[in-house]
Amino acid sequence: METEVRKKYSIEFKISSVSTIIKYGSITHAAQKLGISKHNLFHWRKLHKDGKLILPEACSSNSTKDELLKLRKEVKNVKLERDIIKKELNIFSKRGC
């Protein structure tokens, strides 16, 4: 019984393959040209559209992404606090206090 060895493709090849899809306008034609399964190309295209197919150097900005998420959360909290204060001010101004 023979086991099939799965071929591993580099991230650069995957990104290049997505560019080939755009060039040929068809996943089927690109798969034939590259000599790979069209199922791989469908998956890689989806990853590319989702922003998950990126070079490792681009991934090094995780601390920047973390900081951005933290700041967005903080802005959301500040806006919520501001809205609460506006509502309280409106309530007190109607009472004449």
N, C-alpha and C. Protein backbone atom coordinates (compact mmCIF):
# COMPACT_ATOMS: atom_id res chain seq x y z
N MET A 1 0.84 -1.18 0.00
CA MET A 1 0.00 0.00 0.00
C MET A 1 0.88 1.24 0.00
N GLU A 2 0.66 2.08 -0.94
CA GLU A 2 1.45 3.30 -1.08
C GLU A 2 0.73 4.49 -0.48
N THR A 3 1.46 5.32 0.25
CA THR A 3 0.86 6.53 0.80
C THR A 3 1.22 7.70 -0.10
N GLU A 4 0.25 8.57 -0.29
CA GLU A 4 0.50 9.76 -1.09
C GLU A 4 1.16 10.83 -0.24
N VAL A 5 2.18 11.44 -0.79
CA VAL A 5 2.86 12.53 -0.11
C VAL A 5 2.23 13.83 -0.59
N ARG A 6 1.76 14.62 0.37
CA ARG A 6 1.15 15.90 0.02
C ARG A 6 2.25 16.89 -0.33
N LYS A 7 2.06 17.58 -1.42
CA LYS A 7 3.03 18.56 -1.83
C LYS A 7 2.77 19.86 -1.08
N LYS A 8 3.82 20.47 -0.58
CA LYS A 8 3.71 21.76 0.11
C LYS A 8 4.20 22.86 -0.82
N TYR A 9 3.43 23.91 -0.87
CA TYR A 9 3.78 25.05 -1.72
C TYR A 9 4.17 26.22 -0.84
N SER A 10 5.13 26.99 -1.32
CA SER A 10 5.58 28.16 -0.56
C SER A 10 4.52 29.25 -0.63
N ILE A 11 4.57 30.14 0.33
CA ILE A 11 3.63 31.26 0.37
C ILE A 11 3.80 32.15 -0.86
N GLU A 12 5.04 32.29 -1.32
CA GLU A 12 5.30 33.10 -2.52
C GLU A 12 4.62 32.48 -3.74
N PHE A 13 4.69 31.15 -3.84
CA PHE A 13 4.05 30.45 -4.96
C PHE A 13 2.54 30.63 -4.91
N LYS A 14 1.98 30.54 -3.72
CA LYS A 14 0.53 30.69 -3.56
C LYS A 14 0.08 32.09 -4.00
N ILE A 15 0.82 33.11 -3.57
CA ILE A 15 0.49 34.49 -3.95
C ILE A 15 0.63 34.68 -5.45
N SER A 16 1.69 34.11 -6.00
CA SER A 16 1.91 34.18 -7.44
C SER A 16 0.78 33.47 -8.19
N SER A 17 0.31 32.37 -7.64
CA SER A 17 -0.78 31.61 -8.27
C SER A 17 -2.06 32.43 -8.30
N VAL A 18 -2.33 33.16 -7.25
CA VAL A 18 -3.52 34.02 -7.21
C VAL A 18 -3.39 35.10 -8.29
N SER A 19 -2.20 35.61 -8.49
CA SER A 19 -1.98 36.60 -9.55
C SER A 19 -2.22 35.97 -10.93
N THR A 20 -1.85 34.71 -11.07
CA THR A 20 -2.06 34.00 -12.32
C THR A 20 -3.55 33.83 -12.60
N ILE A 21 -4.34 33.61 -11.56
CA ILE A 21 -5.79 33.51 -11.73
C ILE A 21 -6.32 34.80 -12.34
N ILE A 22 -5.84 35.93 -11.83
CA ILE A 22 -6.27 37.23 -12.35
C ILE A 22 -5.82 37.40 -13.79
N LYS A 23 -4.60 36.97 -14.09
CA LYS A 23 -4.05 37.12 -15.44
C LYS A 23 -4.85 36.31 -16.46
N TYR A 24 -5.17 35.06 -16.13
CA TYR A 24 -5.88 34.20 -17.07
C TYR A 24 -7.40 34.35 -16.99
N GLY A 25 -7.88 34.95 -15.92
CA GLY A 25 -9.31 35.19 -15.79
C GLY A 25 -10.12 33.96 -15.44
N SER A 26 -9.44 32.84 -15.21
CA SER A 26 -10.16 31.61 -14.92
C SER A 26 -9.29 30.72 -14.03
N ILE A 27 -9.90 30.16 -13.01
CA ILE A 27 -9.15 29.26 -12.13
C ILE A 27 -8.75 28.00 -12.89
N THR A 28 -9.64 27.50 -13.74
CA THR A 28 -9.34 26.28 -14.50
C THR A 28 -8.13 26.47 -15.40
N HIS A 29 -8.09 27.60 -16.13
CA HIS A 29 -6.95 27.87 -17.01
C HIS A 29 -5.66 28.06 -16.20
N ALA A 30 -5.76 28.76 -15.10
CA ALA A 30 -4.58 28.99 -14.26
C ALA A 30 -4.07 27.67 -13.69
N ALA A 31 -4.98 26.79 -13.26
CA ALA A 31 -4.58 25.49 -12.71
C ALA A 31 -3.87 24.65 -13.77
N GLN A 32 -4.38 24.68 -15.00
CA GLN A 32 -3.74 23.95 -16.09
C GLN A 32 -2.36 24.51 -16.38
N LYS A 33 -2.24 25.82 -16.40
CA LYS A 33 -0.97 26.47 -16.69
C LYS A 33 0.07 26.15 -15.60
N LEU A 34 -0.38 26.16 -14.34
CA LEU A 34 0.54 25.92 -13.22
C LEU A 34 0.74 24.44 -12.92
N GLY A 35 -0.15 23.59 -13.45
CA GLY A 35 -0.03 22.16 -13.21
C GLY A 35 -0.40 21.75 -11.80
N ILE A 36 -1.40 22.44 -11.23
CA ILE A 36 -1.84 22.13 -9.88
C ILE A 36 -3.36 21.99 -9.87
N SER A 37 -3.87 21.52 -8.77
CA SER A 37 -5.30 21.32 -8.62
C SER A 37 -6.04 22.65 -8.54
N LYS A 38 -7.19 22.69 -9.21
CA LYS A 38 -7.98 23.93 -9.14
C LYS A 38 -8.57 24.13 -7.74
N HIS A 39 -8.70 23.04 -6.97
CA HIS A 39 -9.19 23.16 -5.61
C HIS A 39 -8.21 23.96 -4.74
N ASN A 40 -6.90 23.75 -4.97
CA ASN A 40 -5.90 24.55 -4.27
C ASN A 40 -6.07 26.03 -4.60
N LEU A 41 -6.29 26.32 -5.87
CA LEU A 41 -6.43 27.71 -6.29
C LEU A 41 -7.69 28.35 -5.69
N PHE A 42 -8.78 27.61 -5.63
CA PHE A 42 -9.99 28.14 -5.00
C PHE A 42 -9.70 28.51 -3.54
N HIS A 43 -9.01 27.60 -2.85
CA HIS A 43 -8.70 27.84 -1.44
C HIS A 43 -7.77 29.03 -1.27
N TRP A 44 -6.72 29.09 -2.08
CA TRP A 44 -5.75 30.19 -1.97
C TRP A 44 -6.39 31.52 -2.32
N ARG A 45 -7.29 31.53 -3.30
CA ARG A 45 -7.98 32.77 -3.66
C ARG A 45 -8.84 33.26 -2.49
N LYS A 46 -9.53 32.32 -1.84
CA LYS A 46 -10.35 32.68 -0.68
C LYS A 46 -9.48 33.24 0.44
N LEU A 47 -8.35 32.59 0.71
CA LEU A 47 -7.43 33.09 1.74
C LEU A 47 -6.94 34.49 1.38
N HIS A 48 -6.64 34.70 0.11
CA HIS A 48 -6.15 36.01 -0.35
C HIS A 48 -7.22 37.08 -0.16
N LYS A 49 -8.47 36.76 -0.50
CA LYS A 49 -9.56 37.72 -0.34
C LYS A 49 -9.79 38.04 1.13
N ASP A 50 -9.60 37.04 2.00
CA ASP A 50 -9.79 37.24 3.44
C ASP A 50 -8.60 37.91 4.10
N GLY A 51 -7.53 38.15 3.33
CA GLY A 51 -6.34 38.80 3.87
C GLY A 51 -5.46 37.87 4.69
N LYS A 52 -5.63 36.58 4.51
CA LYS A 52 -4.86 35.61 5.29
C LYS A 52 -3.67 35.03 4.52
N LEU A 53 -3.57 35.36 3.26
CA LEU A 53 -2.47 34.87 2.43
C LEU A 53 -1.49 36.01 2.23
N ILE A 54 -0.60 36.19 3.21
CA ILE A 54 0.35 37.29 3.18
C ILE A 54 1.74 36.78 3.49
N LEU A 55 2.73 37.53 3.08
CA LEU A 55 4.11 37.16 3.34
C LEU A 55 4.44 37.27 4.82
N PRO A 56 5.35 36.45 5.31
CA PRO A 56 5.70 36.47 6.74
C PRO A 56 6.17 37.83 7.24
N GLU A 57 6.86 38.60 6.40
CA GLU A 57 7.33 39.92 6.83
C GLU A 57 6.15 40.82 7.18
N ALA A 58 5.05 40.67 6.45
CA ALA A 58 3.87 41.48 6.71
C ALA A 58 3.18 41.05 8.01
N CYS A 59 3.41 39.82 8.42
CA CYS A 59 2.78 39.31 9.65
C CYS A 59 3.47 39.85 10.90
N SER A 60 4.66 40.41 10.74
CA SER A 60 5.41 40.86 11.91
C SER A 60 4.77 42.07 12.59
N SER A 61 3.76 42.62 11.98
CA SER A 61 3.10 43.79 12.55
C SER A 61 1.96 43.39 13.48
N ASN A 62 2.05 42.23 14.10
CA ASN A 62 1.00 41.79 15.03
C ASN A 62 0.85 42.74 16.20
N SER A 63 1.97 43.28 16.68
CA SER A 63 1.88 44.22 17.79
C SER A 63 1.12 45.48 17.37
N THR A 64 1.30 45.89 16.12
CA THR A 64 0.56 47.03 15.60
C THR A 64 -0.92 46.71 15.52
N LYS A 65 -1.24 45.50 15.06
CA LYS A 65 -2.64 45.10 14.98
C LYS A 65 -3.26 45.03 16.38
N ASP A 66 -2.51 44.48 17.33
CA ASP A 66 -3.01 44.39 18.70
C ASP A 66 -3.27 45.78 19.28
N GLU A 67 -2.34 46.70 19.01
CA GLU A 67 -2.51 48.06 19.51
C GLU A 67 -3.72 48.73 18.87
N LEU A 68 -3.91 48.50 17.57
CA LEU A 68 -5.06 49.06 16.87
C LEU A 68 -6.37 48.54 17.46
N LEU A 69 -6.43 47.24 17.71
CA LEU A 69 -7.63 46.67 18.32
C LEU A 69 -7.89 47.25 19.70
N LYS A 70 -6.82 47.41 20.48
CA LYS A 70 -6.95 47.99 21.82
C LYS A 70 -7.48 49.42 21.74
N LEU A 71 -6.94 50.21 20.82
CA LEU A 71 -7.37 51.60 20.67
C LEU A 71 -8.82 51.69 20.19
N ARG A 72 -9.21 50.80 19.29
CA ARG A 72 -10.59 50.80 18.82
C ARG A 72 -11.55 50.49 19.95
N LYS A 73 -11.17 49.54 20.80
CA LYS A 73 -11.99 49.19 21.95
C LYS A 73 -12.11 50.37 22.90
N GLU A 74 -10.99 51.07 23.10
CA GLU A 74 -10.99 52.23 23.99
C GLU A 74 -11.87 53.35 23.43
N VAL A 75 -11.80 53.59 22.12
CA VAL A 75 -12.64 54.61 21.50
C VAL A 75 -14.11 54.25 21.66
N LYS A 76 -14.44 52.97 21.50
CA LYS A 76 -15.81 52.53 21.68
C LYS A 76 -16.30 52.81 23.09
N ASN A 77 -15.46 52.54 24.09
CA ASN A 77 -15.83 52.81 25.48
C ASN A 77 -15.99 54.30 25.74
N VAL A 78 -15.11 55.11 25.19
CA VAL A 78 -15.19 56.56 25.38
C VAL A 78 -16.48 57.11 24.75
N LYS A 79 -16.82 56.62 23.58
CA LYS A 79 -18.07 57.06 22.93
C LYS A 79 -19.28 56.67 23.76
N LEU A 80 -19.25 55.46 24.34
CA LEU A 80 -20.35 55.02 25.19
C LEU A 80 -20.48 55.92 26.42
N GLU A 81 -19.35 56.24 27.05
CA GLU A 81 -19.37 57.13 28.21
C GLU A 81 -19.91 58.51 27.83
N ARG A 82 -19.47 59.02 26.68
CA ARG A 82 -19.93 60.32 26.20
C ARG A 82 -21.43 60.33 26.00
N ASP A 83 -21.96 59.27 25.38
CA ASP A 83 -23.40 59.18 25.14
C ASP A 83 -24.19 59.13 26.45
N ILE A 84 -23.66 58.42 27.43
CA ILE A 84 -24.32 58.35 28.74
C ILE A 84 -24.37 59.73 29.38
N ILE A 85 -23.25 60.46 29.32
CA ILE A 85 -23.20 61.82 29.90
C ILE A 85 -24.17 62.75 29.18
N LYS A 86 -24.27 62.64 27.85
CA LYS A 86 -25.22 63.46 27.09
C LYS A 86 -26.66 63.20 27.53
N LYS A 87 -26.98 61.92 27.72
CA LYS A 87 -28.34 61.57 28.15
C LYS A 87 -28.63 62.09 29.54
N GLU A 88 -27.66 61.96 30.45
CA GLU A 88 -27.84 62.47 31.81
C GLU A 88 -28.03 63.99 31.79
N LEU A 89 -27.23 64.68 30.99
CA LEU A 89 -27.33 66.13 30.88
C LEU A 89 -28.71 66.53 30.36
N ASN A 90 -29.20 65.80 29.40
CA ASN A 90 -30.52 66.07 28.84
C ASN A 90 -31.61 65.86 29.88
N ILE A 91 -31.49 64.79 30.67
CA ILE A 91 -32.49 64.49 31.72
C ILE A 91 -32.48 65.60 32.77
N PHE A 92 -31.29 66.00 33.23
CA PHE A 92 -31.19 67.02 34.28
C PHE A 92 -31.63 68.40 33.79
N SER A 93 -31.39 68.69 32.51
CA SER A 93 -31.78 70.00 31.99
C SER A 93 -33.31 70.09 31.87
N LYS A 94 -33.98 68.98 31.65
CA LYS A 94 -35.45 68.99 31.58
C LYS A 94 -36.07 69.16 32.96
N ARG A 95 -35.39 68.64 33.99
CA ARG A 95 -35.89 68.76 35.35
C ARG A 95 -35.68 70.16 35.92
N GLY A 96 -34.74 70.87 35.39
CA GLY A 96 -34.45 72.21 35.85
C GLY A 96 -33.55 72.22 37.07
N CYS A 97 -32.76 71.18 37.25
CA CYS A 97 -31.86 71.10 38.40
C CYS A 97 -30.58 71.84 38.16
